[in-house]
PDB file of N, CA and C in Angstrom:
ATOM      1  N   MET A   1       3.591  13.065  31.754  1.00  0.00           N
ATOM      2  CA  MET A   1       2.964  11.593  31.319  1.00  0.00           C
ATOM      3  C   MET A   1       3.663  11.604  30.321  1.00  0.00           C
ATOM      4  N   ASN A   2       3.994  11.855  29.776  1.00  0.00           N
ATOM      5  CA  ASN A   2       5.317  11.552  28.643  1.00  0.00           C
ATOM      6  C   ASN A   2       6.431  11.014  29.047  1.00  0.00           C
ATOM      7  N   ALA A   3       6.698  10.533  30.556  1.00  0.00           N
ATOM      8  CA  ALA A   3       7.753   9.188  30.566  1.00  0.00           C
ATOM      9  C   ALA A   3       6.757   8.388  30.748  1.00  0.00           C
ATOM     10  N   LEU A   4       5.636   8.512  31.409  1.00  0.00           N
ATOM     11  CA  LEU A   4       4.417   7.182  31.329  1.00  0.00           C
ATOM     12  C   LEU A   4       4.063   6.606  29.976  1.00  0.00           C
ATOM     13  N   LEU A   5       4.441   7.607  29.103  1.00  0.00           N
ATOM     14  CA  LEU A   5       3.792   7.077  27.468  1.00  0.00           C
ATOM     15  C   LEU A   5       5.529   6.143  27.472  1.00  0.00           C
ATOM     16  N   ASP A   6       6.297   5.975  27.421  1.00  0.00           N
ATOM     17  CA  ASP A   6       7.253   5.788  27.636  1.00  0.00           C
ATOM     18  C   ASP A   6       7.650   4.027  27.573  1.00  0.00           C
ATOM     19  N   ARG A   7       6.485   4.143  28.528  1.00  0.00           N
ATOM     20  CA  ARG A   7       6.401   2.793  29.050  1.00  0.00           C
ATOM     21  C   ARG A   7       5.903   1.948  28.175  1.00  0.00           C
ATOM     22  N   ILE A   8       5.187   2.528  27.516  1.00  0.00           N
ATOM     23  CA  ILE A   8       4.534   1.641  26.034  1.00  0.00           C
ATOM     24  C   ILE A   8       4.645   1.766  24.973  1.00  0.00           C
ATOM     25  N   SER A   9       4.768   0.686  24.405  1.00  0.00           N
ATOM     26  CA  SER A   9       5.684   0.443  22.840  1.00  0.00           C
ATOM     27  C   SER A   9       5.076  -0.620  22.055  1.00  0.00           C
ATOM     28  N   ILE A  10       4.703   0.620  20.589  1.00  0.00           N
ATOM     29  CA  ILE A  10       3.977  -0.127  19.234  1.00  0.00           C
ATOM     30  C   ILE A  10       4.983  -0.495  19.201  1.00  0.00           C
ATOM     31  N   ASP A  11       5.364  -1.974  18.077  1.00  0.00           N
ATOM     32  CA  ASP A  11       5.833  -2.537  17.259  1.00  0.00           C
ATOM     33  C   ASP A  11       4.544  -3.543  16.383  1.00  0.00           C
ATOM     34  N   PRO A  12       4.896  -3.571  15.573  1.00  0.00           N
ATOM     35  CA  PRO A  12       3.949  -3.953  13.850  1.00  0.00           C
ATOM     36  C   PRO A  12       4.475  -4.863  14.170  1.00  0.00           C
ATOM     37  N   ALA A  13       5.697  -6.206  14.662  1.00  0.00           N
ATOM     38  CA  ALA A  13       6.258  -6.854  14.830  1.00  0.00           C
ATOM     39  C   ALA A  13       5.920  -7.656  16.248  1.00  0.00           C
ATOM     40  N   ILE A  14       4.898  -7.134  17.202  1.00  0.00           N
ATOM     41  CA  ILE A  14       4.355  -7.852  18.229  1.00  0.00           C
ATOM     42  C   ILE A  14       2.853  -7.617  18.565  1.00  0.00           C
ATOM     43  N   CYS A  15       2.558  -8.450  18.778  1.00  0.00           N
ATOM     44  CA  CYS A  15       1.085  -8.485  19.179  1.00  0.00           C
ATOM     45  C   CYS A  15       0.159  -7.908  17.314  1.00  0.00           C
ATOM     46  N   GLY A  16       0.670  -7.511  16.647  1.00  0.00           N
ATOM     47  CA  GLY A  16      -0.297  -7.200  15.482  1.00  0.00           C
ATOM     48  C   GLY A  16       0.110  -5.977  15.875  1.00  0.00           C
ATOM     49  N   GLY A  17       1.528  -4.962  16.446  1.00  0.00           N
ATOM     50  CA  GLY A  17       1.914  -3.009  16.201  1.00  0.00           C
ATOM     51  C   GLY A  17      -0.316  -2.736  17.882  1.00  0.00           C
ATOM     52  N   LYS A  18      -0.306  -3.401  18.287  1.00  0.00           N
ATOM     53  CA  LYS A  18      -1.343  -2.974  19.162  1.00  0.00           C
ATOM     54  C   LYS A  18      -0.405  -2.112  20.571  1.00  0.00           C
ATOM     55  N   PRO A  19      -0.806  -1.256  21.059  1.00  0.00           N
ATOM     56  CA  PRO A  19       0.036  -1.001  22.607  1.00  0.00           C
ATOM     57  C   PRO A  19       0.519  -1.751  23.251  1.00  0.00           C
ATOM     58  N   CYS A  20       1.510  -1.812  23.723  1.00  0.00           N
ATOM     59  CA  CYS A  20       1.777  -2.681  25.028  1.00  0.00           C
ATOM     60  C   CYS A  20       2.652  -2.275  26.091  1.00  0.00           C
ATOM     61  N   ILE A  21       3.210  -2.644  27.152  1.00  0.00           N
ATOM     62  CA  ILE A  21       3.596  -2.067  28.363  1.00  0.00           C
ATOM     63  C   ILE A  21       5.335  -3.467  27.060  1.00  0.00           C
ATOM     64  N   LYS A  22       5.721  -1.530  27.618  1.00  0.00           N
ATOM     65  CA  LYS A  22       7.534  -2.230  26.875  1.00  0.00           C
ATOM     66  C   LYS A  22       7.947  -3.518  27.891  1.00  0.00           C
ATOM     67  N   GLY A  23       8.782  -4.088  26.645  1.00  0.00           N
ATOM     68  CA  GLY A  23       8.879  -5.556  26.803  1.00  0.00           C
ATOM     69  C   GLY A  23       8.248  -6.418  27.577  1.00  0.00           C
ATOM     70  N   THR A  24       6.664  -6.444  27.082  1.00  0.00           N
ATOM     71  CA  THR A  24       6.360  -7.269  27.503  1.00  0.00           C
ATOM     72  C   THR A  24       4.773  -7.725  26.130  1.00  0.00           C
ATOM     73  N   ARG A  25       3.972  -9.081  25.968  1.00  0.00           N
ATOM     74  CA  ARG A  25       3.304  -8.413  25.472  1.00  0.00           C
ATOM     75  C   ARG A  25       2.048  -8.629  26.007  1.00  0.00           C
ATOM     76  N   LEU A  26       1.682  -8.021  26.978  1.00  0.00           N
ATOM     77  CA  LEU A  26       0.670  -7.056  27.628  1.00  0.00           C
ATOM     78  C   LEU A  26       0.280  -5.895  26.619  1.00  0.00           C
ATOM     79  N   TRP A  27      -1.039  -6.106  26.629  1.00  0.00           N
ATOM     80  CA  TRP A  27      -1.544  -5.339  25.379  1.00  0.00           C
ATOM     81  C   TRP A  27      -2.455  -3.715  26.455  1.00  0.00           C
ATOM     82  N   VAL A  28      -2.368  -2.919  26.842  1.00  0.00           N
ATOM     83  CA  VAL A  28      -2.767  -1.311  27.342  1.00  0.00           C
ATOM     84  C   VAL A  28      -4.418  -1.935  27.521  1.00  0.00           C
ATOM     85  N   ALA A  29      -4.760  -2.004  26.036  1.00  0.00           N
ATOM     86  CA  ALA A  29      -5.843  -2.306  26.354  1.00  0.00           C
ATOM     87  C   ALA A  29      -6.580  -3.542  27.180  1.00  0.00           C
ATOM     88  N   LEU A  30      -5.938  -4.631  27.359  1.00  0.00           N
ATOM     89  CA  LEU A  30      -6.104  -5.898  28.080  1.00  0.00           C
ATOM     90  C   LEU A  30      -6.217  -4.981  30.143  1.00  0.00           C
ATOM     91  N   ILE A  31      -4.857  -4.531  29.997  1.00  0.00           N
ATOM     92  CA  ILE A  31      -4.997  -3.559  30.760  1.00  0.00           C
ATOM     93  C   ILE A  31      -6.067  -2.717  31.445  1.00  0.00           C
ATOM     94  N   LEU A  32      -6.615  -2.262  30.652  1.00  0.00           N
ATOM     95  CA  LEU A  32      -8.045  -1.123  30.760  1.00  0.00           C
ATOM     96  C   LEU A  32      -8.646  -2.000  30.962  1.00  0.00           C
ATOM     97  N   ASP A  33      -9.075  -3.025  30.052  1.00  0.00           N
ATOM     98  CA  ASP A  33     -10.470  -3.811  30.261  1.00  0.00           C
ATOM     99  C   ASP A  33     -10.402  -3.697  31.940  1.00  0.00           C
ATOM    100  N   PHE A  34      -9.292  -5.248  32.577  1.00  0.00           N
ATOM    101  CA  PHE A  34      -9.203  -6.178  33.664  1.00  0.00           C
ATOM    102  C   PHE A  34      -9.411  -4.294  34.483  1.00  0.00           C
ATOM    103  N   LEU A  35      -8.951  -3.185  34.929  1.00  0.00           N
ATOM    104  CA  LEU A  35      -9.540  -2.073  35.300  1.00  0.00           C
ATOM    105  C   LEU A  35     -11.345  -2.089  35.568  1.00  0.00           C
ATOM    106  N   ALA A  36     -11.465  -1.416  34.813  1.00  0.00           N
ATOM    107  CA  ALA A  36     -12.857  -1.225  34.150  1.00  0.00           C
ATOM    108  C   ALA A  36     -13.920  -2.402  34.994  1.00  0.00           C
ATOM    109  N   ASP A  37     -13.460  -3.459  34.343  1.00  0.00           N
ATOM    110  CA  ASP A  37     -14.161  -4.690  35.240  1.00  0.00           C
ATOM    111  C   ASP A  37     -13.970  -4.865  36.304  1.00  0.00           C
ATOM    112  N   GLY A  38     -12.815  -3.616  36.905  1.00  0.00           N
ATOM    113  CA  GLY A  38     -13.494  -4.110  38.426  1.00  0.00           C
ATOM    114  C   GLY A  38     -12.234  -4.556  39.763  1.00  0.00           C
ATOM    115  N   MET A  39     -10.893  -4.887  38.797  1.00  0.00           N
ATOM    116  CA  MET A  39     -10.051  -5.736  38.800  1.00  0.00           C
ATOM    117  C   MET A  39      -9.413  -4.631  39.942  1.00  0.00           C
ATOM    118  N   THR A  40      -8.626  -4.680  40.400  1.00  0.00           N
ATOM    119  CA  THR A  40      -7.930  -3.480  41.244  1.00  0.00           C
ATOM    120  C   THR A  40      -5.827  -3.539  40.962  1.00  0.00           C
ATOM    121  N   GLU A  41      -5.529  -3.281  41.275  1.00  0.00           N
ATOM    122  CA  GLU A  41      -4.596  -2.527  41.165  1.00  0.00           C
ATOM    123  C   GLU A  41      -3.456  -3.696  41.410  1.00  0.00           C
ATOM    124  N   VAL A  42      -3.781  -3.992  42.774  1.00  0.00           N
ATOM    125  CA  VAL A  42      -3.250  -5.185  43.439  1.00  0.00           C
ATOM    126  C   VAL A  42      -3.225  -6.274  43.071  1.00  0.00           C
ATOM    127  N   GLU A  43      -4.602  -6.801  43.107  1.00  0.00           N
ATOM    128  CA  GLU A  43      -4.600  -8.212  41.353  1.00  0.00           C
ATOM    129  C   GLU A  43      -3.976  -7.806  40.664  1.00  0.00           C
ATOM    130  N   LEU A  44      -4.335  -7.267  39.556  1.00  0.00           N
ATOM    131  CA  LEU A  44      -3.747  -7.103  38.349  1.00  0.00           C
ATOM    132  C   LEU A  44      -1.957  -7.150  38.234  1.00  0.00           C
ATOM    133  N   LEU A  45      -1.496  -6.724  39.186  1.00  0.00           N
ATOM    134  CA  LEU A  45      -0.252  -6.604  39.558  1.00  0.00           C
ATOM    135  C   LEU A  45       0.324  -8.596  40.223  1.00  0.00           C
ATOM    136  N   SER A  46      -0.952  -8.269  41.204  1.00  0.00           N
ATOM    137  CA  SER A  46      -0.341  -9.523  41.731  1.00  0.00           C
ATOM    138  C   SER A  46      -0.362 -10.917  40.331  1.00  0.00           C
ATOM    139  N   GLU A  47      -1.760 -10.806  39.970  1.00  0.00           N
ATOM    140  CA  GLU A  47      -1.896 -11.959  38.571  1.00  0.00           C
ATOM    141  C   GLU A  47      -0.811 -11.824  37.502  1.00  0.00           C
ATOM    142  N   TYR A  48       0.087 -10.799  37.171  1.00  0.00           N
ATOM    143  CA  TYR A  48       0.734 -10.663  36.194  1.00  0.00           C
ATOM    144  C   TYR A  48       2.029  -9.629  36.584  1.00  0.00           C
ATOM    145  N   PRO A  49       3.315 -10.352  37.531  1.00  0.00           N
ATOM    146  CA  PRO A  49       4.049  -9.779  37.854  1.00  0.00           C
ATOM    147  C   PRO A  49       5.146  -9.202  37.500  1.00  0.00           C
ATOM    148  N   GLN A  50       5.251  -9.228  36.241  1.00  0.00           N
ATOM    149  CA  GLN A  50       5.929  -8.416  35.408  1.00  0.00           C
ATOM    150  C   GLN A  50       5.396  -6.628  35.991  1.00  0.00           C
ATOM    151  N   LEU A  51       4.388  -6.901  35.059  1.00  0.00           N
ATOM    152  CA  LEU A  51       3.816  -5.042  35.725  1.00  0.00           C
ATOM    153  C   LEU A  51       4.224  -4.286  36.516  1.00  0.00           C
ATOM    154  N   ALA A  52       4.374  -3.393  36.771  1.00  0.00           N
ATOM    155  CA  ALA A  52       4.929  -2.344  37.377  1.00  0.00           C
ATOM    156  C   ALA A  52       3.641  -1.721  37.750  1.00  0.00           C
ATOM    157  N   HIS A  53       4.118  -0.471  39.743  1.00  0.00           N
ATOM    158  CA  HIS A  53       2.804   0.661  39.001  1.00  0.00           C
ATOM    159  C   HIS A  53       2.097   1.089  38.040  1.00  0.00           C
ATOM    160  N   LEU A  54       3.984   1.918  37.332  1.00  0.00           N
ATOM    161  CA  LEU A  54       4.168   2.708  36.915  1.00  0.00           C
ATOM    162  C   LEU A  54       3.360   2.233  35.576  1.00  0.00           C
ATOM    163  N   ASP A  55       3.707   1.109  35.633  1.00  0.00           N
ATOM    164  CA  ASP A  55       3.319   0.635  34.106  1.00  0.00           C
ATOM    165  C   ASP A  55       2.310   0.523  34.169  1.00  0.00           C
ATOM    166  N   VAL A  56       0.977   0.516  34.793  1.00  0.00           N
ATOM    167  CA  VAL A  56      -0.463   0.211  35.544  1.00  0.00           C
ATOM    168  C   VAL A  56      -1.065   1.798  35.069  1.00  0.00           C
ATOM    169  N   MET A  57       0.012   3.386  35.595  1.00  0.00           N
ATOM    170  CA  MET A  57      -0.429   4.130  35.432  1.00  0.00           C
ATOM    171  C   MET A  57      -0.523   4.492  33.945  1.00  0.00           C
ATOM    172  N   ALA A  58       0.807   4.065  32.865  1.00  0.00           N
ATOM    173  CA  ALA A  58       0.971   4.346  32.009  1.00  0.00           C
ATOM    174  C   ALA A  58       0.188   4.159  31.009  1.00  0.00           C
ATOM    175  N   ALA A  59      -0.613   2.949  31.610  1.00  0.00           N
ATOM    176  CA  ALA A  59      -2.134   1.870  30.245  1.00  0.00           C
ATOM    177  C   ALA A  59      -2.571   3.332  30.523  1.00  0.00           C
ATOM    178  N   ILE A  60      -3.327   4.140  31.501  1.00  0.00           N
ATOM    179  CA  ILE A  60      -4.549   5.114  32.207  1.00  0.00           C
ATOM    180  C   ILE A  60      -3.671   6.151  31.124  1.00  0.00           C
ATOM    181  N   ALA A  61      -2.806   6.448  31.389  1.00  0.00           N
ATOM    182  CA  ALA A  61      -2.448   7.658  31.063  1.00  0.00           C
ATOM    183  C   ALA A  61      -2.397   7.550  29.136  1.00  0.00           C
ATOM    184  N   TYR A  62      -1.729   6.177  28.664  1.00  0.00           N
ATOM    185  CA  TYR A  62      -2.571   5.933  27.459  1.00  0.00           C
ATOM    186  C   TYR A  62      -3.641   6.304  27.108  1.00  0.00           C
ATOM    187  N   GLY A  63      -4.230   5.671  27.637  1.00  0.00           N
ATOM    188  CA  GLY A  63      -5.977   5.462  27.901  1.00  0.00           C
ATOM    189  C   GLY A  63      -6.758   7.035  27.333  1.00  0.00           C
ATOM    190  N   ALA A  64      -6.325   8.028  28.177  1.00  0.00           N
ATOM    191  CA  ALA A  64      -6.566   9.185  28.514  1.00  0.00           C
ATOM    192  C   ALA A  64      -5.879  10.109  27.225  1.00  0.00           C
ATOM    193  N   GLU A  65      -5.308  10.153  26.396  1.00  0.00           N
ATOM    194  CA  GLU A  65      -4.384  10.480  25.530  1.00  0.00           C
ATOM    195  C   GLU A  65      -5.257   9.717  24.515  1.00  0.00           C
ATOM    196  N   MET A  66      -5.210   8.054  24.274  1.00  0.00           N
ATOM    197  CA  MET A  66      -6.340   8.506  22.826  1.00  0.00           C
ATOM    198  C   MET A  66      -7.117   8.991  23.082  1.00  0.00           C
ATOM    199  N   SER A  67      -8.297   9.131  24.397  1.00  0.00           N
ATOM    200  CA  SER A  67      -9.391   9.836  24.033  1.00  0.00           C
ATOM    201  C   SER A  67      -9.638  11.283  24.089  1.00  0.00           C
ATOM    202  N   ARG A  68      -8.600  11.299  23.701  1.00  0.00           N
ATOM    203  CA  ARG A  68      -7.844  13.237  23.382  1.00  0.00           C
ATOM    204  C   ARG A  68      -8.238  12.605  22.239  1.00  0.00           C
ATOM    205  N   GLU A  69      -7.881  12.218  21.577  1.00  0.00           N
ATOM    206  CA  GLU A  69      -7.799  12.038  19.501  1.00  0.00           C
ATOM    207  C   GLU A  69      -8.985  12.107  19.292  1.00  0.00           C
ATOM    208  N   ARG A  70      -9.696  11.220  19.712  1.00  0.00           N
ATOM    209  CA  ARG A  70     -10.746  10.479  19.260  1.00  0.00           C
ATOM    210  C   ARG A  70     -12.226  10.247  19.861  1.00  0.00           C
ATOM    211  N   ILE A  71     -12.887  10.241  19.249  1.00  0.00           N
ATOM    212  CA  ILE A  71     -15.059   9.703  20.160  1.00  0.00           C
ATOM    213  C   ILE A  71     -15.589   8.930  19.735  1.00  0.00           C
ATOM    214  N   LEU A  72     -15.276   7.882  20.986  1.00  0.00           N
ATOM    215  CA  LEU A  72     -16.304   6.863  20.378  1.00  0.00           C
ATOM    216  C   LEU A  72     -17.741   6.758  20.559  1.00  0.00           C
ATOM    217  N   PRO A  73     -18.696   6.723  19.726  1.00  0.00           N
ATOM    218  CA  PRO A  73     -20.153   6.929  20.914  1.00  0.00           C
ATOM    219  C   PRO A  73     -20.663   5.606  21.172  1.00  0.00           C
ATOM    220  N   VAL A  74     -21.123   6.584  22.459  1.00  0.00           N
ATOM    221  CA  VAL A  74     -21.558   6.484  23.747  1.00  0.00           C
ATOM    222  C   VAL A  74     -22.756   6.238  24.031  1.00  0.00           C
ATOM    223  N   PRO A  75     -24.106   5.484  23.696  1.00  0.00           N
ATOM    224  CA  PRO A  75     -25.205   5.019  23.816  1.00  0.00           C
ATOM    225  C   PRO A  75     -25.432   6.714  25.173  1.00  0.00           C
ATOM    226  N   LEU A  76     -26.613   7.567  25.181  1.00  0.00           N
ATOM    227  CA  LEU A  76     -27.362   8.062  25.559  1.00  0.00           C
ATOM    228  C   LEU A  76     -28.013   8.066  26.945  1.00  0.00           C
ATOM    229  N   GLU A  77     -28.353   8.082  28.539  1.00  0.00           N
ATOM    230  CA  GLU A  77     -28.594   7.635  29.099  1.00  0.00           C
ATOM    231  C   GLU A  77     -30.434   8.339  29.474  1.00  0.00           C
ATOM    232  N   ARG A  78     -30.951   7.271  29.218  1.00  0.00           N
ATOM    233  CA  ARG A  78     -32.442   8.137  28.860  1.00  0.00           C
ATOM    234  C   ARG A  78     -33.219   8.247  29.924  1.00  0.00           C
ATOM    235  N   VAL A  79     -33.558   9.669  29.993  1.00  0.00           N
ATOM    236  CA  VAL A  79     -33.809  10.090  31.719  1.00  0.00           C
ATOM    237  C   VAL A  79     -35.541   9.886  31.786  1.00  0.00           C
ATOM    238  N   ALA A  80     -36.341   9.356  32.667  1.00  0.00           N
ATOM    239  CA  ALA A  80     -37.172   8.779  33.100  1.00  0.00           C
ATOM    240  C   ALA A  80     -38.397  10.083  33.090  1.00  0.00           C
TER     241      ALA A  80
END
């Protein structure tokens, strides 16, 4: 996973320090949002040709690593 995370850049001078794919201004969060909204990897790579498959995997790996560090409240589903 470390090799994937090496594809992520955090630079205060680029996008306000938000995690981006190295060499781009594409936020990791944007990639994850698109995937979560149902965009396929093929659609994502077509829309953003500067991305590679490993960049998408790096965004997912970064999201997974961040979920180990911080817990976000998620509303519980009520069972009827």
